[in-house]
PDB file of N, CA and C in Angstrom:
ATOM      1  N   UNK A   1       0.851  -1.164   0.000  1.00  0.00           N
ATOM      2  CA  UNK A   1       0.000   0.000   0.000  1.00  0.00           C
ATOM      3  C   UNK A   1       0.898   1.228   0.000  1.00  0.00           C
ATOM      4  N   UNK A   2       0.587   2.191  -0.816  1.00  0.00           N
ATOM      5  CA  UNK A   2       1.390   3.390  -0.969  1.00  0.00           C
ATOM      6  C   UNK A   2       0.820   4.514  -0.112  1.00  0.00           C
ATOM      7  N   UNK A   3       1.684   5.242   0.569  1.00  0.00           N
ATOM      8  CA  UNK A   3       1.283   6.395   1.370  1.00  0.00           C
ATOM      9  C   UNK A   3       2.264   7.522   1.105  1.00  0.00           C
ATOM     10  N   UNK A   4       1.917   8.711   1.535  1.00  0.00           N
ATOM     11  CA  UNK A   4       2.775   9.874   1.302  1.00  0.00           C
ATOM     12  C   UNK A   4       3.062  10.549   2.635  1.00  0.00           C
ATOM     13  N   UNK A   5       4.312  10.956   2.847  1.00  0.00           N
ATOM     14  CA  UNK A   5       4.695  11.694   4.044  1.00  0.00           C
ATOM     15  C   UNK A   5       4.295  13.154   3.868  1.00  0.00           C
ATOM     16  N   UNK A   6       3.712  13.745   4.918  1.00  0.00           N
ATOM     17  CA  UNK A   6       3.292  15.143   4.902  1.00  0.00           C
ATOM     18  C   UNK A   6       4.012  15.895   6.009  1.00  0.00           C
ATOM     19  N   UNK A   7       4.250  17.182   5.786  1.00  0.00           N
ATOM     20  CA  UNK A   7       4.878  18.029   6.801  1.00  0.00           C
ATOM     21  C   UNK A   7       3.911  18.236   7.957  1.00  0.00           C
ATOM     22  N   UNK A   8       4.405  18.081   9.188  1.00  0.00           N
ATOM     23  CA  UNK A   8       3.612  18.332  10.383  1.00  0.00           C
ATOM     24  C   UNK A   8       4.528  19.056  11.361  1.00  0.00           C
ATOM     25  N   UNK A   9       4.493  20.377  11.356  1.00  0.00           N
ATOM     26  CA  UNK A   9       5.439  21.158  12.152  1.00  0.00           C
ATOM     27  C   UNK A   9       6.838  20.922  11.610  1.00  0.00           C
ATOM     28  N   UNK A  10       7.770  20.558  12.482  1.00  0.00           N
ATOM     29  CA  UNK A  10       9.138  20.252  12.061  1.00  0.00           C
ATOM     30  C   UNK A  10       9.315  18.772  11.728  1.00  0.00           C
ATOM     31  N   UNK A  11       8.262  18.002  11.809  1.00  0.00           N
ATOM     32  CA  UNK A  11       8.337  16.556  11.589  1.00  0.00           C
ATOM     33  C   UNK A  11       7.564  16.168  10.338  1.00  0.00           C
ATOM     34  N   UNK A  12       7.598  14.886  10.047  1.00  0.00           N
ATOM     35  CA  UNK A  12       6.805  14.333   8.958  1.00  0.00           C
ATOM     36  C   UNK A  12       5.762  13.395   9.547  1.00  0.00           C
ATOM     37  N   UNK A  13       4.628  13.275   8.877  1.00  0.00           N
ATOM     38  CA  UNK A  13       3.554  12.398   9.338  1.00  0.00           C
ATOM     39  C   UNK A  13       3.097  11.512   8.192  1.00  0.00           C
ATOM     40  N   UNK A  14       2.766  10.279   8.516  1.00  0.00           N
ATOM     41  CA  UNK A  14       2.210   9.324   7.551  1.00  0.00           C
ATOM     42  C   UNK A  14       0.938   8.768   8.165  1.00  0.00           C
ATOM     43  N   UNK A  15      -0.134   8.721   7.401  1.00  0.00           N
ATOM     44  CA  UNK A  15      -1.386   8.139   7.897  1.00  0.00           C
ATOM     45  C   UNK A  15      -1.332   6.634   7.733  1.00  0.00           C
ATOM     46  N   UNK A  16      -1.846   5.939   8.730  1.00  0.00           N
ATOM     47  CA  UNK A  16      -1.931   4.480   8.674  1.00  0.00           C
ATOM     48  C   UNK A  16      -3.351   4.144   8.225  1.00  0.00           C
ATOM     49  N   UNK A  17      -3.508   3.466   7.105  1.00  0.00           N
ATOM     50  CA  UNK A  17      -4.849   3.112   6.630  1.00  0.00           C
ATOM     51  C   UNK A  17      -5.621   2.298   7.680  1.00  0.00           C
ATOM     52  N   UNK A  18      -6.920   2.529   7.752  1.00  0.00           N
ATOM     53  CA  UNK A  18      -7.779   1.907   8.760  1.00  0.00           C
ATOM     54  C   UNK A  18      -7.649   0.390   8.780  1.00  0.00           C
ATOM     55  N   UNK A  19      -7.643  -0.245   7.612  1.00  0.00           N
ATOM     56  CA  UNK A  19      -7.586  -1.708   7.560  1.00  0.00           C
ATOM     57  C   UNK A  19      -6.282  -2.240   8.162  1.00  0.00           C
ATOM     58  N   UNK A  20      -5.177  -1.538   7.930  1.00  0.00           N
ATOM     59  CA  UNK A  20      -3.891  -1.963   8.497  1.00  0.00           C
ATOM     60  C   UNK A  20      -3.864  -1.707   9.998  1.00  0.00           C
ATOM     61  N   UNK A  21      -4.362  -0.539  10.409  1.00  0.00           N
ATOM     62  CA  UNK A  21      -4.398  -0.218  11.841  1.00  0.00           C
ATOM     63  C   UNK A  21      -5.216  -1.249  12.605  1.00  0.00           C
ATOM     64  N   UNK A  22      -6.381  -1.600  12.073  1.00  0.00           N
ATOM     65  CA  UNK A  22      -7.244  -2.575  12.744  1.00  0.00           C
ATOM     66  C   UNK A  22      -6.557  -3.936  12.839  1.00  0.00           C
ATOM     67  N   UNK A  23      -5.937  -4.357  11.747  1.00  0.00           N
ATOM     68  CA  UNK A  23      -5.257  -5.657  11.723  1.00  0.00           C
ATOM     69  C   UNK A  23      -4.110  -5.717  12.727  1.00  0.00           C
ATOM     70  N   UNK A  24      -3.465  -4.570  12.958  1.00  0.00           N
ATOM     71  CA  UNK A  24      -2.311  -4.520  13.863  1.00  0.00           C
ATOM     72  C   UNK A  24      -2.685  -4.096  15.286  1.00  0.00           C
ATOM     73  N   UNK A  25      -3.968  -3.872  15.544  1.00  0.00           N
ATOM     74  CA  UNK A  25      -4.399  -3.502  16.893  1.00  0.00           C
ATOM     75  C   UNK A  25      -4.060  -2.070  17.264  1.00  0.00           C
ATOM     76  N   UNK A  26      -4.025  -1.187  16.268  1.00  0.00           N
ATOM     77  CA  UNK A  26      -3.700   0.214  16.524  1.00  0.00           C
ATOM     78  C   UNK A  26      -4.976   1.044  16.433  1.00  0.00           C
ATOM     79  N   UNK A  27      -5.180   1.902  17.436  1.00  0.00           N
ATOM     80  CA  UNK A  27      -6.296   2.843  17.413  1.00  0.00           C
ATOM     81  C   UNK A  27      -5.762   4.201  17.863  1.00  0.00           C
ATOM     82  N   UNK A  28      -6.634   5.188  17.918  1.00  0.00           N
ATOM     83  CA  UNK A  28      -6.212   6.529  18.339  1.00  0.00           C
ATOM     84  C   UNK A  28      -5.531   6.457  19.701  1.00  0.00           C
ATOM     85  N   UNK A  29      -4.444   7.157  19.840  1.00  0.00           N
ATOM     86  CA  UNK A  29      -3.656   7.261  21.082  1.00  0.00           C
ATOM     87  C   UNK A  29      -2.885   5.996  21.436  1.00  0.00           C
ATOM     88  N   UNK A  30      -2.782   5.041  20.528  1.00  0.00           N
ATOM     89  CA  UNK A  30      -1.938   3.867  20.767  1.00  0.00           C
ATOM     90  C   UNK A  30      -0.476   4.303  20.736  1.00  0.00           C
ATOM     91  N   UNK A  31       0.302   3.878  21.723  1.00  0.00           N
ATOM     92  CA  UNK A  31       1.742   4.155  21.700  1.00  0.00           C
ATOM     93  C   UNK A  31       2.382   3.314  20.606  1.00  0.00           C
ATOM     94  N   UNK A  32       3.260   3.944  19.810  1.00  0.00           N
ATOM     95  CA  UNK A  32       3.922   3.280  18.697  1.00  0.00           C
ATOM     96  C   UNK A  32       5.426   3.367  18.903  1.00  0.00           C
ATOM     97  N   UNK A  33       6.122   2.245  18.769  1.00  0.00           N
ATOM     98  CA  UNK A  33       7.575   2.213  18.818  1.00  0.00           C
ATOM     99  C   UNK A  33       8.088   2.338  17.385  1.00  0.00           C
ATOM    100  N   UNK A  34       8.973   3.304  17.145  1.00  0.00           N
ATOM    101  CA  UNK A  34       9.538   3.533  15.817  1.00  0.00           C
ATOM    102  C   UNK A  34      10.988   3.070  15.837  1.00  0.00           C
ATOM    103  N   UNK A  35      11.317   2.148  14.918  1.00  0.00           N
ATOM    104  CA  UNK A  35      12.659   1.560  14.862  1.00  0.00           C
ATOM    105  C   UNK A  35      13.243   1.768  13.465  1.00  0.00           C
ATOM    106  N   UNK A  36      14.514   2.125  13.401  1.00  0.00           N
ATOM    107  CA  UNK A  36      15.235   2.176  12.126  1.00  0.00           C
ATOM    108  C   UNK A  36      16.017   0.890  11.981  1.00  0.00           C
ATOM    109  N   UNK A  37      15.969   0.283  10.813  1.00  0.00           N
ATOM    110  CA  UNK A  37      16.715  -0.949  10.562  1.00  0.00           C
ATOM    111  C   UNK A  37      17.215  -0.940   9.122  1.00  0.00           C
ATOM    112  N   UNK A  38      18.492  -0.657   8.956  1.00  0.00           N
ATOM    113  CA  UNK A  38      19.133  -0.666   7.637  1.00  0.00           C
ATOM    114  C   UNK A  38      18.376   0.195   6.628  1.00  0.00           C
ATOM    115  N   UNK A  39      18.029   1.415   7.016  1.00  0.00           N
ATOM    116  CA  UNK A  39      17.341   2.333   6.119  1.00  0.00           C
ATOM    117  C   UNK A  39      15.843   2.139   6.042  1.00  0.00           C
ATOM    118  N   UNK A  40      15.302   1.193   6.776  1.00  0.00           N
ATOM    119  CA  UNK A  40      13.856   0.962   6.810  1.00  0.00           C
ATOM    120  C   UNK A  40      13.280   1.507   8.109  1.00  0.00           C
ATOM    121  N   UNK A  41      12.026   1.915   8.054  1.00  0.00           N
ATOM    122  CA  UNK A  41      11.309   2.386   9.240  1.00  0.00           C
ATOM    123  C   UNK A  41      10.296   1.311   9.616  1.00  0.00           C
ATOM    124  N   UNK A  42      10.359   0.875  10.868  1.00  0.00           N
ATOM    125  CA  UNK A  42       9.447  -0.158  11.353  1.00  0.00           C
ATOM    126  C   UNK A  42       8.598   0.449  12.469  1.00  0.00           C
ATOM    127  N   UNK A  43       7.285   0.363  12.326  1.00  0.00           N
ATOM    128  CA  UNK A  43       6.349   0.851  13.334  1.00  0.00           C
ATOM    129  C   UNK A  43       5.730  -0.343  14.044  1.00  0.00           C
ATOM    130  N   UNK A  44       5.786  -0.340  15.375  1.00  0.00           N
ATOM    131  CA  UNK A  44       5.222  -1.444  16.151  1.00  0.00           C
ATOM    132  C   UNK A  44       4.382  -0.890  17.294  1.00  0.00           C
ATOM    133  N   UNK A  45       3.140  -1.344  17.436  1.00  0.00           N
ATOM    134  CA  UNK A  45       2.348  -0.894  18.578  1.00  0.00           C
ATOM    135  C   UNK A  45       2.963  -1.417  19.872  1.00  0.00           C
ATOM    136  N   UNK A  46       2.967  -0.576  20.882  1.00  0.00           N
ATOM    137  CA  UNK A  46       3.488  -0.976  22.190  1.00  0.00           C
ATOM    138  C   UNK A  46       2.376  -1.719  22.918  1.00  0.00           C
ATOM    139  N   UNK A  47       2.627  -2.962  23.248  1.00  0.00           N
ATOM    140  CA  UNK A  47       1.640  -3.775  23.950  1.00  0.00           C
ATOM    141  C   UNK A  47       2.058  -3.836  25.416  1.00  0.00           C
ATOM    142  N   UNK A  48       1.225  -3.258  26.260  1.00  0.00           N
ATOM    143  CA  UNK A  48       1.510  -3.258  27.684  1.00  0.00           C
ATOM    144  C   UNK A  48       0.837  -4.464  28.318  1.00  0.00           C
ATOM    145  N   UNK A  49       1.639  -5.313  28.940  1.00  0.00           N
ATOM    146  CA  UNK A  49       1.090  -6.501  29.583  1.00  0.00           C
ATOM    147  C   UNK A  49       0.363  -6.096  30.856  1.00  0.00           C
ATOM    148  N   UNK A  50      -0.798  -6.656  31.053  1.00  0.00           N
ATOM    149  CA  UNK A  50      -1.556  -6.397  32.271  1.00  0.00           C
ATOM    150  C   UNK A  50      -1.237  -7.495  33.278  1.00  0.00           C
ATOM    151  N   UNK A  51      -0.891  -7.081  34.483  1.00  0.00           N
ATOM    152  CA  UNK A  51      -0.542  -8.013  35.542  1.00  0.00           C
ATOM    153  C   UNK A  51      -1.663  -8.078  36.566  1.00  0.00           C
ATOM    154  N   UNK A  52      -1.832  -9.232  37.134  1.00  0.00           N
ATOM    155  CA  UNK A  52      -2.750  -9.350  38.264  1.00  0.00           C
ATOM    156  C   UNK A  52      -1.904  -9.603  39.509  1.00  0.00           C
ATOM    157  N   UNK A  53      -2.469  -9.315  40.655  1.00  0.00           N
ATOM    158  CA  UNK A  53      -1.748  -9.542  41.902  1.00  0.00           C
ATOM    159  C   UNK A  53      -1.380 -11.018  42.043  1.00  0.00           C
ATOM    160  N   UNK A  54      -2.263 -11.911  41.637  1.00  0.00           N
ATOM    161  CA  UNK A  54      -1.986 -13.350  41.722  1.00  0.00           C
ATOM    162  C   UNK A  54      -0.798 -13.726  40.843  1.00  0.00           C
ATOM    163  N   UNK A  55      -0.717 -13.153  39.626  1.00  0.00           N
ATOM    164  CA  UNK A  55       0.420 -13.429  38.743  1.00  0.00           C
ATOM    165  C   UNK A  55       1.725 -12.971  39.378  1.00  0.00           C
ATOM    166  N   UNK A  56       1.706 -11.766  39.948  1.00  0.00           N
ATOM    167  CA  UNK A  56       2.922 -11.232  40.560  1.00  0.00           C
ATOM    168  C   UNK A  56       3.345 -12.047  41.785  1.00  0.00           C
ATOM    169  N   UNK A  57       2.378 -12.371  42.639  1.00  0.00           N
ATOM    170  CA  UNK A  57       2.706 -13.119  43.860  1.00  0.00           C
ATOM    171  C   UNK A  57       3.150 -14.545  43.556  1.00  0.00           C
ATOM    172  N   UNK A  58       2.706 -15.105  42.443  1.00  0.00           N
ATOM    173  CA  UNK A  58       3.111 -16.472  42.097  1.00  0.00           C
ATOM    174  C   UNK A  58       4.606 -16.559  41.794  1.00  0.00           C
ATOM    175  N   UNK A  59       5.235 -15.410  41.544  1.00  0.00           N
ATOM    176  CA  UNK A  59       6.657 -15.393  41.230  1.00  0.00           C
ATOM    177  C   UNK A  59       7.542 -15.203  42.456  1.00  0.00           C
ATOM    178  N   UNK A  60       6.930 -14.968  43.622  1.00  0.00           N
ATOM    179  CA  UNK A  60       7.694 -14.808  44.860  1.00  0.00           C
ATOM    180  C   UNK A  60       8.079 -16.181  45.381  1.00  0.00           C
ATOM    181  N   UNK A  61       9.367 -16.339  45.646  1.00  0.00           N
ATOM    182  CA  UNK A  61       9.872 -17.606  46.178  1.00  0.00           C
ATOM    183  C   UNK A  61      10.683 -17.342  47.437  1.00  0.00           C
ATOM    184  N   UNK A  62      11.080 -18.395  48.130  1.00  0.00           N
ATOM    185  CA  UNK A  62      11.939 -18.249  49.313  1.00  0.00           C
ATOM    186  C   UNK A  62      13.283 -17.632  48.934  1.00  0.00           C
ATOM    187  N   UNK A  63      13.719 -17.836  47.696  1.00  0.00           N
ATOM    188  CA  UNK A  63      15.022 -17.329  47.254  1.00  0.00           C
ATOM    189  C   UNK A  63      14.988 -15.829  46.917  1.00  0.00           C
ATOM    190  N   UNK A  64      13.845 -15.307  46.459  1.00  0.00           N
ATOM    191  CA  UNK A  64      13.842 -13.905  46.041  1.00  0.00           C
ATOM    192  C   UNK A  64      13.039 -12.973  46.952  1.00  0.00           C
ATOM    193  N   UNK A  65      12.451 -13.508  48.026  1.00  0.00           N
ATOM    194  CA  UNK A  65      11.706 -12.651  48.940  1.00  0.00           C
ATOM    195  C   UNK A  65      12.691 -11.920  49.845  1.00  0.00           C
ATOM    196  N   UNK A  66      12.372 -10.699  50.215  1.00  0.00           N
ATOM    197  CA  UNK A  66      13.269  -9.946  51.093  1.00  0.00           C
ATOM    198  C   UNK A  66      12.531  -9.530  52.352  1.00  0.00           C
ATOM    199  N   UNK A  67      13.298  -9.122  53.331  1.00  0.00           N
ATOM    200  CA  UNK A  67      12.729  -8.699  54.613  1.00  0.00           C
ATOM    201  C   UNK A  67      12.144  -7.300  54.478  1.00  0.00           C
ATOM    202  N   UNK A  68      11.451  -6.864  55.517  1.00  0.00           N
ATOM    203  CA  UNK A  68      10.906  -5.513  55.532  1.00  0.00           C
ATOM    204  C   UNK A  68      12.040  -4.497  55.417  1.00  0.00           C
ATOM    205  N   UNK A  69      11.730  -3.359  54.849  1.00  0.00           N
ATOM    206  CA  UNK A  69      12.703  -2.288  54.708  1.00  0.00           C
ATOM    207  C   UNK A  69      12.218  -1.103  55.525  1.00  0.00           C
ATOM    208  N   UNK A  70      13.043  -0.650  56.461  1.00  0.00           N
ATOM    209  CA  UNK A  70      12.670   0.496  57.286  1.00  0.00           C
ATOM    210  C   UNK A  70      12.914   1.772  56.487  1.00  0.00           C
ATOM    211  N   UNK A  71      11.901   2.643  56.465  1.00  0.00           N
ATOM    212  CA  UNK A  71      12.008   3.893  55.713  1.00  0.00           C
ATOM    213  C   UNK A  71      11.964   5.115  56.614  1.00  0.00           C
ATOM    214  N   UNK A  72      12.016   4.905  57.908  1.00  0.00           N
ATOM    215  CA  UNK A  72      12.016   6.021  58.839  1.00  0.00           C
ATOM    216  C   UNK A  72      10.651   6.257  59.458  1.00  0.00           C
ATOM    217  N   UNK A  73      10.569   7.341  60.205  1.00  0.00           N
ATOM    218  CA  UNK A  73       9.321   7.681  60.889  1.00  0.00           C
ATOM    219  C   UNK A  73       8.296   8.202  59.901  1.00  0.00           C
ATOM    220  N   UNK A  74       7.002   8.080  60.245  1.00  0.00           N
ATOM    221  CA  UNK A  74       5.956   8.606  59.374  1.00  0.00           C
ATOM    222  C   UNK A  74       6.106  10.118  59.186  1.00  0.00           C
ATOM    223  N   UNK A  75       5.831  10.585  57.999  1.00  0.00           N
ATOM    224  CA  UNK A  75       5.878  12.005  57.690  1.00  0.00           C
ATOM    225  C   UNK A  75       4.526  12.353  57.058  1.00  0.00           C
ATOM    226  N   UNK A  76       3.803  13.259  57.641  1.00  0.00           N
ATOM    227  CA  UNK A  76       2.504  13.597  57.081  1.00  0.00           C
ATOM    228  C   UNK A  76       1.393  12.872  57.824  1.00  0.00           C
ATOM    229  N   UNK A  77       0.449  12.282  57.065  1.00  0.00           N
ATOM    230  CA  UNK A  77      -0.741  11.700  57.677  1.00  0.00           C
ATOM    231  C   UNK A  77      -0.754  10.172  57.640  1.00  0.00           C
ATOM    232  N   UNK A  78       0.428   9.547  57.670  1.00  0.00           N
ATOM    233  CA  UNK A  78       0.457   8.086  57.712  1.00  0.00           C
ATOM    234  C   UNK A  78      -0.130   7.592  59.027  1.00  0.00           C
ATOM    235  N   UNK A  79      -0.721   6.414  58.989  1.00  0.00           N
ATOM    236  CA  UNK A  79      -1.267   5.823  60.214  1.00  0.00           C
ATOM    237  C   UNK A  79      -0.209   4.914  60.796  1.00  0.00           C
ATOM    238  N   UNK A  80      -0.059   4.977  62.133  1.00  0.00           N
ATOM    239  CA  UNK A  80       0.943   4.124  62.789  1.00  0.00           C
ATOM    240  C   UNK A  80       0.502   2.731  62.780  1.00  0.00           C
TER     241      UNK A  80
END
């Protein structure tokens, strides 16, 4: 598919056709990673993994757990 670069302030802009955006999971305000590779421009949507507390806690083991860390006396409205 052919597209044209347009001036946008001091930068250039290229529109992503709707069919390609949909196929790649890109919508308005999607973060895009731009990579240069041997003179080519590669656009990749940034996929943020969603974590659950259960997923995170399942990775805690006796080998990687640490003790409490003292951060000093409360400052402000912390509850004792």
